[in-house]
Every structure is written in C-alpha cells, then in structure tokens.
C-alpha cells in the first residue's frame, strides 16, 4: 500500500538585515541554509537587495513553520513580515534547497513587502522571471 505524502506548504516573508550585521553574512546564511534545508526536504529561494531579505520556503508544514520560528529568533533578521503561508500544489524550486539571487533595485522588495496573500505570491513569481537563478 502506498504511503500518502504530506501536502506541501509554503511561506513567503520579507525581513531586514540587522543594522550591525555585515553584508557578508548573507552568503553564510545561504550556505548554511542549503545544507540544513536539504536534510529537511525544504526548498526555496532567498532574494537580497542589500537591505531586505525576501524568502520563499516550501516543504512539509511542520518543517516550514519550525524553520520560520528559527528565523524569527535569528538576530540577523529584523522586522520579519509574513506575506503568505498556505498549501502549495507543487514545488517551485525542485533544483535547489536554497537558491540565492541578489536584486539591484531596492524598490522591488519594498513593493513586495506591501502585499499580502496571493497578491504577494503573484508579485514574487513576477520577480522570478527577472532573476538569473543558479541551481
């Protein structure tokens, strides 16, 4: 008998890098996240504009919510704003446990931060089409 897979869940949030944190910390965050996320079956994308993080995470709900709580406790992130969380029909990022993409235009994440729910997800998907994503 086939075991039913737990449904996928996603969260999308924006946060601000802590004022005292060096920009170099972003590469460390992405590198550690790749290893930890792979072990937990979590995939996603981190976008950084020099000030703000935008992160989309996907996986099993309990794993995603536990990770979100760890991020909330991380002093490198401030002003965390949850834009969307809910069921996800299929992964957007099958190729990598934590993709990373910088964006030059700080208005992109500033505008995204003002949205909620499916409007935020739609704007995030629109941003994806402008990024050069590496696997």
Foldseek 3Di string as FASTA:
>chain_A
DDDDDAFKKKWKKKWWFAPVDDPVVVVVVQVVQQVVLVVVVKAWEWEAQPTMIIIMIMDHPVVNVVVVVVVVVDNRTHDIDTAEMDTDRDDPCPPTSYKYWYDHDPVLVVVLNPHHYPVSVVSVVVVVVVTDIDD
